[in-house]
Amino acid sequence: MDRNMYFWNTSFPSLTICSHRRIDEDKLADYIRLRRFDEDDAEQFREFIMLLANVSYTSFLDLPMYKTFGIAGYEYMELLYNLSWSFQPQVNSGTSSVLSVQPTITEMGLCLAVNSRIAVYNSFEYWQTRRWEREHEPAPLVVHPLDGEVYGQLIKLESSYEVFFHGSMEAAEISKRHYSFLESYYTTVELLALEILTSRNARELSISQRQCRFTHEGDLLMFSPVYSYNLCRIECRMKFAFKICGCVPHFYRPIGKGNFRYRICDFEGMRCLGQRSGK
């Protein structure tokens, strides 16, 4: 019999939701009027921006690349943010705690993170203000078998969407398994938790001794103030994209520590990445 009930506590998982509907039609119509596009340009721009809002490594070649509309690659993310649809699902849980919902930028574009403690570091506002300081990170939501049935329920999604499941101190990463859900479908996903414990003395070991990093040890990364395994993989992908195509996609943080930056891809860069997406 395991009598140490404190070891039964389990951190509640986090998830990142990426709606397939990204653009607000009213904002888009206002922008088209502001730019005074003719009928043909308006239709072509509408097609372009809808695809750009959902583009990722596997779909760069789907973009219509015959007209730039006078918009440079480094302007894409700000434009997408300004035209974005306000996606605010309602979140319920079987606990007394409230699950936070925060906007975050992923390799699939603008998404929402639920119960995340580090999503703020990948938010558009955090990037735009060129901040690097640590934010207040809420205590992890912990659940216990004696709490009864514990669940997280999302309603009012109003669109088909993709979901990534991960820990509250992790970020969504494109190579990880994710799930697609259709609009108006009710789906139940059950997760099995596995928790690994170690001695508190492990904190005293050096990084090379313990072979892992804590969240606050983000000095290795150029584009994040905090460390996670997935954030490290994302930066490796940025380096590889720049190595083979000379640029990185617009959905990455544009300016790193010490004002370091990669060139943001234009059409030619995205075509190059699309042709090499399987590498």
C-alpha atoms as a PDB file:
ATOM      1  CA  MET A   1       0.000   0.000   0.000  1.00  0.00           C
ATOM      2  CA  ASP A   2       1.350   3.422  -0.962  1.00  0.00           C
ATOM      3  CA  ARG A   3       0.645   5.574   2.076  1.00  0.00           C
ATOM      4  CA  ASN A   4       2.367   8.726   0.818  1.00  0.00           C
ATOM      5  CA  MET A   5      -0.652  10.434  -0.683  1.00  0.00           C
ATOM      6  CA  TYR A   6       1.391  13.537  -1.582  1.00  0.00           C
ATOM      7  CA  PHE A   7       2.988  11.549  -4.402  1.00  0.00           C
ATOM      8  CA  TRP A   8      -0.479  11.117  -5.897  1.00  0.00           C
ATOM      9  CA  ASN A   9      -0.639  14.767  -6.929  1.00  0.00           C
ATOM     10  CA  THR A  10      -0.406  15.168 -10.692  1.00  0.00           C
ATOM     11  CA  SER A  11       0.033  18.358 -12.712  1.00  0.00           C
ATOM     12  CA  PHE A  12      -2.935  19.065 -14.972  1.00  0.00           C
ATOM     13  CA  PRO A  13      -1.857  19.026 -18.650  1.00  0.00           C
ATOM     14  CA  SER A  14      -1.808  21.987 -20.980  1.00  0.00           C
ATOM     15  CA  LEU A  15      -3.068  22.120 -24.538  1.00  0.00           C
ATOM     16  CA  THR A  16      -2.659  24.434 -27.496  1.00  0.00           C
ATOM     17  CA  ILE A  17      -5.677  24.963 -29.764  1.00  0.00           C
ATOM     18  CA  CYS A  18      -5.195  26.201 -33.313  1.00  0.00           C
ATOM     19  CA  SER A  19      -8.480  27.160 -34.938  1.00  0.00           C
ATOM     20  CA  HIS A  20      -8.724  26.735 -38.703  1.00  0.00           C
ATOM     21  CA  ARG A  21     -10.610  30.017 -38.793  1.00  0.00           C
ATOM     22  CA  ARG A  22      -7.990  32.708 -38.234  1.00  0.00           C
ATOM     23  CA  ILE A  23      -9.162  35.837 -40.085  1.00  0.00           C
ATOM     24  CA  ASP A  24     -11.981  38.184 -39.047  1.00  0.00           C
ATOM     25  CA  GLU A  25     -14.105  38.887 -42.126  1.00  0.00           C
ATOM     26  CA  ASP A  26     -15.071  42.401 -40.993  1.00  0.00           C
ATOM     27  CA  LYS A  27     -11.451  43.381 -40.315  1.00  0.00           C
ATOM     28  CA  LEU A  28     -10.442  41.939 -43.673  1.00  0.00           C
ATOM     29  CA  ALA A  29     -13.157  43.905 -45.495  1.00  0.00           C
ATOM     30  CA  ASP A  30     -12.030  47.119 -43.777  1.00  0.00           C
ATOM     31  CA  TYR A  31      -8.410  46.460 -44.763  1.00  0.00           C
ATOM     32  CA  ILE A  32      -9.348  45.803 -48.401  1.00  0.00           C
ATOM     33  CA  ARG A  33     -11.288  49.096 -48.500  1.00  0.00           C
ATOM     34  CA  LEU A  34      -8.349  50.916 -46.910  1.00  0.00           C
ATOM     35  CA  ARG A  35      -5.954  49.553 -49.536  1.00  0.00           C
ATOM     36  CA  ARG A  36      -8.432  50.392 -52.325  1.00  0.00           C
ATOM     37  CA  PHE A  37      -7.947  47.081 -54.083  1.00  0.00           C
ATOM     38  CA  ASP A  38      -9.907  46.588 -57.278  1.00  0.00           C
ATOM     39  CA  GLU A  39     -12.223  43.586 -57.491  1.00  0.00           C
ATOM     40  CA  ASP A  40      -9.582  41.199 -58.835  1.00  0.00           C
ATOM     41  CA  ASP A  41      -6.922  42.260 -56.335  1.00  0.00           C
ATOM     42  CA  ALA A  42      -9.413  42.078 -53.476  1.00  0.00           C
ATOM     43  CA  GLU A  43     -10.297  38.478 -54.309  1.00  0.00           C
ATOM     44  CA  GLN A  44      -6.662  37.491 -54.786  1.00  0.00           C
ATOM     45  CA  PHE A  45      -5.661  39.144 -51.511  1.00  0.00           C
ATOM     46  CA  ARG A  46      -8.496  37.427 -49.656  1.00  0.00           C
ATOM     47  CA  GLU A  47      -7.311  34.044 -50.924  1.00  0.00           C
ATOM     48  CA  PHE A  48      -3.699  34.861 -50.057  1.00  0.00           C
ATOM     49  CA  ILE A  49      -4.322  36.079 -46.500  1.00  0.00           C
ATOM     50  CA  MET A  50      -6.629  33.160 -45.645  1.00  0.00           C
ATOM     51  CA  LEU A  51      -3.945  30.681 -46.695  1.00  0.00           C
ATOM     52  CA  LEU A  52      -1.122  32.670 -45.086  1.00  0.00           C
ATOM     53  CA  ALA A  53      -2.961  32.648 -41.746  1.00  0.00           C
ATOM     54  CA  ASN A  54      -2.901  28.836 -41.704  1.00  0.00           C
ATOM     55  CA  VAL A  55       0.381  28.165 -43.478  1.00  0.00           C
ATOM     56  CA  SER A  56       3.063  25.908 -42.027  1.00  0.00           C
ATOM     57  CA  TYR A  57       6.005  23.871 -43.282  1.00  0.00           C
ATOM     58  CA  THR A  58       3.788  21.332 -45.032  1.00  0.00           C
ATOM     59  CA  SER A  59       1.695  23.937 -46.871  1.00  0.00           C
ATOM     60  CA  PHE A  60       4.074  26.700 -48.012  1.00  0.00           C
ATOM     61  CA  LEU A  61       3.698  25.559 -51.622  1.00  0.00           C
ATOM     62  CA  ASP A  62      -0.089  26.035 -51.403  1.00  0.00           C
ATOM     63  CA  LEU A  63       0.337  29.813 -51.146  1.00  0.00           C
ATOM     64  CA  PRO A  64      -0.472  31.804 -54.300  1.00  0.00           C
ATOM     65  CA  MET A  65       2.891  33.478 -54.916  1.00  0.00           C
ATOM     66  CA  TYR A  66       2.157  35.657 -57.919  1.00  0.00           C
ATOM     67  CA  LYS A  67       1.573  38.996 -56.162  1.00  0.00           C
ATOM     68  CA  THR A  68       3.095  40.528 -52.995  1.00  0.00           C
ATOM     69  CA  PHE A  69       0.456  43.285 -52.577  1.00  0.00           C
ATOM     70  CA  GLY A  70       3.316  45.513 -51.416  1.00  0.00           C
ATOM     71  CA  ILE A  71       3.677  43.548 -48.162  1.00  0.00           C
ATOM     72  CA  ALA A  72       7.135  42.381 -47.086  1.00  0.00           C
ATOM     73  CA  GLY A  73       7.718  39.070 -45.318  1.00  0.00           C
ATOM     74  CA  TYR A  74       8.619  40.756 -42.028  1.00  0.00           C
ATOM     75  CA  GLU A  75       5.187  42.464 -42.045  1.00  0.00           C
ATOM     76  CA  TYR A  76       3.173  39.241 -42.320  1.00  0.00           C
ATOM     77  CA  MET A  77       2.774  38.454 -38.629  1.00  0.00           C
ATOM     78  CA  GLU A  78       1.691  41.947 -37.626  1.00  0.00           C
ATOM     79  CA  LEU A  79      -0.844  41.990 -40.461  1.00  0.00           C
ATOM     80  CA  LEU A  80      -2.198  38.560 -39.486  1.00  0.00           C
ATOM     81  CA  TYR A  81      -2.457  39.664 -35.872  1.00  0.00           C
ATOM     82  CA  ASN A  82      -4.338  42.841 -36.809  1.00  0.00           C
ATOM     83  CA  LEU A  83      -6.762  40.869 -39.003  1.00  0.00           C
ATOM     84  CA  SER A  84      -7.145  37.953 -36.598  1.00  0.00           C
ATOM     85  CA  TRP A  85     -10.479  36.562 -35.489  1.00  0.00           C
ATOM     86  CA  SER A  86     -11.138  36.740 -31.750  1.00  0.00           C
ATOM     87  CA  PHE A  87     -11.221  33.031 -30.917  1.00  0.00           C
ATOM     88  CA  GLN A  88     -12.404  32.655 -27.306  1.00  0.00           C
ATOM     89  CA  PRO A  89     -13.710  29.193 -26.413  1.00  0.00           C
ATOM     90  CA  GLN A  90     -15.283  28.656 -23.024  1.00  0.00           C
ATOM     91  CA  VAL A  91     -13.219  26.440 -20.713  1.00  0.00           C
ATOM     92  CA  ASN A  92     -14.697  24.430 -17.851  1.00  0.00           C
ATOM     93  CA  SER A  93     -12.938  22.031 -15.511  1.00  0.00           C
ATOM     94  CA  GLY A  94     -13.811  19.574 -12.787  1.00  0.00           C
ATOM     95  CA  THR A  95     -11.717  21.546 -10.300  1.00  0.00           C
ATOM     96  CA  SER A  96     -12.269  24.725  -8.324  1.00  0.00           C
ATOM     97  CA  SER A  97      -9.408  26.372 -10.234  1.00  0.00           C
ATOM     98  CA  VAL A  98      -9.868  28.391 -13.411  1.00  0.00           C
ATOM     99  CA  LEU A  99      -7.913  27.226 -16.465  1.00  0.00           C
ATOM    100  CA  SER A 100      -6.197  30.170 -18.138  1.00  0.00           C
ATOM    101  CA  VAL A 101      -6.540  30.808 -21.887  1.00  0.00           C
ATOM    102  CA  GLN A 102      -3.798  32.848 -23.556  1.00  0.00           C
ATOM    103  CA  PRO A 103      -2.997  33.765 -27.163  1.00  0.00           C
ATOM    104  CA  THR A 104       0.275  32.303 -28.383  1.00  0.00           C
ATOM    105  CA  ILE A 105       2.157  32.047 -31.676  1.00  0.00           C
ATOM    106  CA  THR A 106       3.153  28.588 -32.854  1.00  0.00           C
ATOM    107  CA  GLU A 107       4.567  27.022 -36.008  1.00  0.00           C
ATOM    108  CA  MET A 108       0.929  26.735 -37.106  1.00  0.00           C
ATOM    109  CA  GLY A 109       0.291  30.444 -36.632  1.00  0.00           C
ATOM    110  CA  LEU A 110      -1.897  32.247 -34.094  1.00  0.00           C
ATOM    111  CA  CYS A 111      -3.305  29.813 -31.532  1.00  0.00           C
ATOM    112  CA  LEU A 112      -4.562  29.673 -27.935  1.00  0.00           C
ATOM    113  CA  ALA A 113      -2.826  27.962 -25.020  1.00  0.00           C
ATOM    114  CA  VAL A 114      -4.893  26.537 -22.156  1.00  0.00           C
ATOM    115  CA  ASN A 115      -3.336  26.117 -18.699  1.00  0.00           C
ATOM    116  CA  SER A 116       0.107  27.115 -19.962  1.00  0.00           C
ATOM    117  CA  ARG A 117       2.708  28.763 -17.737  1.00  0.00           C
ATOM    118  CA  ILE A 118       5.022  29.838 -20.583  1.00  0.00           C
ATOM    119  CA  ALA A 119       2.667  30.754 -23.459  1.00  0.00           C
ATOM    120  CA  VAL A 120       3.084  34.457 -22.672  1.00  0.00           C
ATOM    121  CA  TYR A 121       6.683  34.311 -23.932  1.00  0.00           C
ATOM    122  CA  ASN A 122       5.379  33.434 -27.406  1.00  0.00           C
ATOM    123  CA  SER A 123       2.643  36.067 -27.512  1.00  0.00           C
ATOM    124  CA  PHE A 124       2.621  38.826 -30.126  1.00  0.00           C
ATOM    125  CA  GLU A 125       2.508  41.577 -27.475  1.00  0.00           C
ATOM    126  CA  TYR A 126       5.541  40.168 -25.656  1.00  0.00           C
ATOM    127  CA  TRP A 127       7.511  40.005 -28.911  1.00  0.00           C
ATOM    128  CA  GLN A 128       6.478  43.468 -30.106  1.00  0.00           C
ATOM    129  CA  THR A 129       7.662  45.174 -26.922  1.00  0.00           C
ATOM    130  CA  ARG A 130      11.010  43.328 -27.198  1.00  0.00           C
ATOM    131  CA  ARG A 131      10.746  42.070 -23.659  1.00  0.00           C
ATOM    132  CA  TRP A 132      12.990  39.411 -22.136  1.00  0.00           C
ATOM    133  CA  GLU A 133      12.120  39.532 -18.454  1.00  0.00           C
ATOM    134  CA  ARG A 134      10.350  36.635 -16.755  1.00  0.00           C
ATOM    135  CA  GLU A 135       6.637  37.034 -16.195  1.00  0.00           C
ATOM    136  CA  HIS A 136       4.798  35.915 -13.091  1.00  0.00           C
ATOM    137  CA  GLU A 137       4.106  32.254 -13.755  1.00  0.00           C
ATOM    138  CA  PRO A 138       1.094  30.900 -11.864  1.00  0.00           C
ATOM    139  CA  ALA A 139       1.524  27.857  -9.663  1.00  0.00           C
ATOM    140  CA  PRO A 140       0.844  24.609 -11.535  1.00  0.00           C
ATOM    141  CA  LEU A 141      -2.676  23.268 -11.336  1.00  0.00           C
ATOM    142  CA  VAL A 142      -2.373  20.004  -9.415  1.00  0.00           C
ATOM    143  CA  VAL A 143      -5.070  17.334  -9.233  1.00  0.00           C
ATOM    144  CA  HIS A 144      -5.452  14.322  -6.956  1.00  0.00           C
ATOM    145  CA  PRO A 145      -7.274  10.982  -7.403  1.00  0.00           C
ATOM    146  CA  LEU A 146      -9.412  11.744  -4.367  1.00  0.00           C
ATOM    147  CA  ASP A 147     -10.683  14.902  -6.068  1.00  0.00           C
ATOM    148  CA  GLY A 148     -13.005  12.675  -8.089  1.00  0.00           C
ATOM    149  CA  GLU A 149     -13.378  12.943 -11.851  1.00  0.00           C
ATOM    150  CA  VAL A 150     -11.080  15.634 -13.195  1.00  0.00           C
ATOM    151  CA  TYR A 151     -11.637  16.984 -16.685  1.00  0.00           C
ATOM    152  CA  GLY A 152     -11.158  19.973 -18.927  1.00  0.00           C
ATOM    153  CA  GLN A 153     -14.022  20.882 -21.251  1.00  0.00           C
ATOM    154  CA  LEU A 154     -13.888  23.316 -24.154  1.00  0.00           C
ATOM    155  CA  ILE A 155     -17.093  24.585 -25.701  1.00  0.00           C
ATOM    156  CA  LYS A 156     -18.092  27.335 -28.152  1.00  0.00           C
ATOM    157  CA  LEU A 157     -15.176  26.540 -30.446  1.00  0.00           C
ATOM    158  CA  GLU A 158     -17.136  27.671 -33.542  1.00  0.00           C
ATOM    159  CA  SER A 159     -14.592  26.242 -35.979  1.00  0.00           C
ATOM    160  CA  SER A 160     -12.631  23.120 -36.840  1.00  0.00           C
ATOM    161  CA  TYR A 161      -9.280  23.070 -35.070  1.00  0.00           C
ATOM    162  CA  GLU A 162      -6.015  21.296 -34.219  1.00  0.00           C
ATOM    163  CA  VAL A 163      -4.965  20.394 -30.666  1.00  0.00           C
ATOM    164  CA  PHE A 164      -1.517  19.743 -29.175  1.00  0.00           C
ATOM    165  CA  PHE A 165      -1.315  18.203 -25.692  1.00  0.00           C
ATOM    166  CA  HIS A 166       1.768  18.975 -23.596  1.00  0.00           C
ATOM    167  CA  GLY A 167       2.922  19.948 -20.112  1.00  0.00           C
ATOM    168  CA  SER A 168       2.201  23.381 -18.655  1.00  0.00           C
ATOM    169  CA  MET A 169       5.909  24.290 -18.963  1.00  0.00           C
ATOM    170  CA  GLU A 170       6.110  23.203 -22.613  1.00  0.00           C
ATOM    171  CA  ALA A 171       5.122  24.699 -25.956  1.00  0.00           C
ATOM    172  CA  ALA A 172       3.391  23.202 -28.991  1.00  0.00           C
ATOM    173  CA  GLU A 173       5.871  21.977 -31.600  1.00  0.00           C
ATOM    174  CA  ILE A 174       4.968  21.072 -35.182  1.00  0.00           C
ATOM    175  CA  SER A 175       6.708  17.681 -35.296  1.00  0.00           C
ATOM    176  CA  LYS A 176       4.827  16.421 -32.242  1.00  0.00           C
ATOM    177  CA  ARG A 177       1.613  14.472 -32.567  1.00  0.00           C
ATOM    178  CA  HIS A 178      -1.505  16.600 -32.736  1.00  0.00           C
ATOM    179  CA  TYR A 179      -5.183  15.940 -33.344  1.00  0.00           C
ATOM    180  CA  SER A 180      -7.698  17.409 -35.783  1.00  0.00           C
ATOM    181  CA  PHE A 181     -11.322  18.000 -34.810  1.00  0.00           C
ATOM    182  CA  LEU A 182     -14.218  19.040 -37.003  1.00  0.00           C
ATOM    183  CA  GLU A 183     -16.578  21.881 -36.206  1.00  0.00           C
ATOM    184  CA  SER A 184     -19.637  20.933 -34.092  1.00  0.00           C
ATOM    185  CA  TYR A 185     -18.224  17.496 -33.223  1.00  0.00           C
ATOM    186  CA  TYR A 186     -18.091  16.377 -29.593  1.00  0.00           C
ATOM    187  CA  THR A 187     -14.907  14.458 -28.837  1.00  0.00           C
ATOM    188  CA  THR A 188     -13.545  12.974 -25.617  1.00  0.00           C
ATOM    189  CA  VAL A 189      -9.811  12.491 -25.125  1.00  0.00           C
ATOM    190  CA  GLU A 190      -8.490  10.582 -22.114  1.00  0.00           C
ATOM    191  CA  LEU A 191      -4.913  11.185 -20.986  1.00  0.00           C
ATOM    192  CA  LEU A 192      -2.795   8.874 -18.844  1.00  0.00           C
ATOM    193  CA  ALA A 193      -0.405  10.744 -16.541  1.00  0.00           C
ATOM    194  CA  LEU A 194       3.087   9.497 -15.771  1.00  0.00           C
ATOM    195  CA  GLU A 195       5.106  11.503 -13.284  1.00  0.00           C
ATOM    196  CA  ILE A 196       8.825  11.062 -12.635  1.00  0.00           C
ATOM    197  CA  LEU A 197      10.223  12.251  -9.318  1.00  0.00           C
ATOM    198  CA  THR A 198      13.799  12.850  -8.288  1.00  0.00           C
ATOM    199  CA  SER A 199      15.606  14.165  -5.250  1.00  0.00           C
ATOM    200  CA  ARG A 200      15.540  17.896  -4.514  1.00  0.00           C
ATOM    201  CA  ASN A 201      19.318  17.684  -4.426  1.00  0.00           C
ATOM    202  CA  ALA A 202      19.278  17.407  -8.227  1.00  0.00           C
ATOM    203  CA  ARG A 203      18.952  21.206  -8.332  1.00  0.00           C
ATOM    204  CA  GLU A 204      22.469  21.474  -6.960  1.00  0.00           C
ATOM    205  CA  LEU A 205      23.936  19.528  -9.874  1.00  0.00           C
ATOM    206  CA  SER A 206      25.346  21.278 -12.925  1.00  0.00           C
ATOM    207  CA  ILE A 207      23.522  21.096 -16.264  1.00  0.00           C
ATOM    208  CA  SER A 208      26.128  18.683 -17.621  1.00  0.00           C
ATOM    209  CA  GLN A 209      25.721  16.434 -14.580  1.00  0.00           C
ATOM    210  CA  ARG A 210      21.922  16.203 -14.645  1.00  0.00           C
ATOM    211  CA  GLN A 211      21.693  16.204 -18.473  1.00  0.00           C
ATOM    212  CA  CYS A 212      18.663  18.488 -18.500  1.00  0.00           C
ATOM    213  CA  ARG A 213      17.702  22.115 -17.912  1.00  0.00           C
ATOM    214  CA  PHE A 214      15.197  23.864 -15.690  1.00  0.00           C
ATOM    215  CA  THR A 215      12.812  26.388 -17.190  1.00  0.00           C
ATOM    216  CA  HIS A 216      14.749  29.383 -15.862  1.00  0.00           C
ATOM    217  CA  GLU A 217      17.969  28.192 -17.551  1.00  0.00           C
ATOM    218  CA  GLY A 218      17.151  29.796 -20.891  1.00  0.00           C
ATOM    219  CA  ASP A 219      20.605  31.195 -21.641  1.00  0.00           C
ATOM    220  CA  LEU A 220      21.086  28.534 -24.339  1.00  0.00           C
ATOM    221  CA  LEU A 221      18.239  29.968 -26.441  1.00  0.00           C
ATOM    222  CA  MET A 222      18.415  33.111 -28.578  1.00  0.00           C
ATOM    223  CA  PHE A 223      14.680  33.756 -28.961  1.00  0.00           C
ATOM    224  CA  SER A 224      13.179  32.824 -25.585  1.00  0.00           C
ATOM    225  CA  PRO A 225      13.851  33.918 -21.995  1.00  0.00           C
ATOM    226  CA  VAL A 226      12.902  30.444 -20.743  1.00  0.00           C
ATOM    227  CA  TYR A 227      13.994  26.950 -21.690  1.00  0.00           C
ATOM    228  CA  SER A 228      11.962  23.937 -22.709  1.00  0.00           C
ATOM    229  CA  TYR A 229      12.794  20.925 -24.843  1.00  0.00           C
ATOM    230  CA  ASN A 230      10.323  21.938 -27.551  1.00  0.00           C
ATOM    231  CA  LEU A 231      11.513  25.557 -27.585  1.00  0.00           C
ATOM    232  CA  CYS A 232      15.029  24.243 -28.127  1.00  0.00           C
ATOM    233  CA  ARG A 233      13.838  22.072 -31.037  1.00  0.00           C
ATOM    234  CA  ILE A 234      12.051  25.078 -32.532  1.00  0.00           C
ATOM    235  CA  GLU A 235      15.259  27.126 -32.496  1.00  0.00           C
ATOM    236  CA  CYS A 236      17.113  24.236 -34.119  1.00  0.00           C
ATOM    237  CA  ARG A 237      14.501  24.272 -36.879  1.00  0.00           C
ATOM    238  CA  MET A 238      14.984  28.018 -37.309  1.00  0.00           C
ATOM    239  CA  LYS A 239      18.741  27.523 -37.721  1.00  0.00           C
ATOM    240  CA  PHE A 240      18.212  24.760 -40.256  1.00  0.00           C
ATOM    241  CA  ALA A 241      15.686  26.827 -42.238  1.00  0.00           C
ATOM    242  CA  PHE A 242      18.171  29.696 -42.397  1.00  0.00           C
ATOM    243  CA  LYS A 243      20.986  27.349 -43.370  1.00  0.00           C
ATOM    244  CA  ILE A 244      19.169  25.831 -46.351  1.00  0.00           C
ATOM    245  CA  CYS A 245      17.032  28.770 -47.508  1.00  0.00           C
ATOM    246  CA  GLY A 246      18.599  31.896 -46.012  1.00  0.00           C
ATOM    247  CA  CYS A 247      15.493  32.907 -44.065  1.00  0.00           C
ATOM    248  CA  VAL A 248      12.967  31.791 -41.442  1.00  0.00           C
ATOM    249  CA  PRO A 249       9.141  31.841 -41.575  1.00  0.00           C
ATOM    250  CA  HIS A 250       7.172  34.800 -40.231  1.00  0.00           C
ATOM    251  CA  PHE A 251       5.693  32.824 -37.312  1.00  0.00           C
ATOM    252  CA  TYR A 252       8.974  32.911 -35.365  1.00  0.00           C
ATOM    253  CA  ARG A 253      10.090  35.700 -33.058  1.00  0.00           C
ATOM    254  CA  PRO A 254      11.792  38.196 -35.405  1.00  0.00           C
ATOM    255  CA  ILE A 255      14.364  39.720 -33.037  1.00  0.00           C
ATOM    256  CA  GLY A 256      16.453  37.682 -30.624  1.00  0.00           C
ATOM    257  CA  LYS A 257      18.725  38.487 -27.722  1.00  0.00           C
ATOM    258  CA  GLY A 258      21.353  41.136 -28.412  1.00  0.00           C
ATOM    259  CA  ASN A 259      19.300  42.318 -31.419  1.00  0.00           C
ATOM    260  CA  PHE A 260      20.179  39.095 -33.255  1.00  0.00           C
ATOM    261  CA  ARG A 261      17.838  38.349 -36.126  1.00  0.00           C
ATOM    262  CA  TYR A 262      17.286  36.106 -39.112  1.00  0.00           C
ATOM    263  CA  ARG A 263      15.847  37.357 -42.390  1.00  0.00           C
ATOM    264  CA  ILE A 264      12.103  36.698 -42.619  1.00  0.00           C
ATOM    265  CA  CYS A 265      11.107  34.722 -45.705  1.00  0.00           C
ATOM    266  CA  ASP A 266       9.467  36.294 -48.724  1.00  0.00           C
ATOM    267  CA  PHE A 267       7.834  34.235 -51.492  1.00  0.00           C
ATOM    268  CA  GLU A 268      11.121  32.774 -52.683  1.00  0.00           C
ATOM    269  CA  GLY A 269      12.091  31.780 -49.162  1.00  0.00           C
ATOM    270  CA  MET A 270       8.751  30.095 -48.480  1.00  0.00           C
ATOM    271  CA  ARG A 271       8.948  28.270 -51.805  1.00  0.00           C
ATOM    272  CA  CYS A 272      12.430  27.051 -50.836  1.00  0.00           C
ATOM    273  CA  LEU A 273      11.196  25.824 -47.435  1.00  0.00           C
ATOM    274  CA  GLY A 274       8.156  24.169 -48.984  1.00  0.00           C
ATOM    275  CA  GLN A 275      10.324  22.235 -51.417  1.00  0.00           C
ATOM    276  CA  ARG A 276      12.483  20.988 -48.531  1.00  0.00           C
ATOM    277  CA  SER A 277       9.801  20.459 -45.887  1.00  0.00           C
ATOM    278  CA  GLY A 278      10.466  16.720 -45.665  1.00  0.00           C
ATOM    279  CA  LYS A 279      14.081  17.165 -44.589  1.00  0.00           C
END
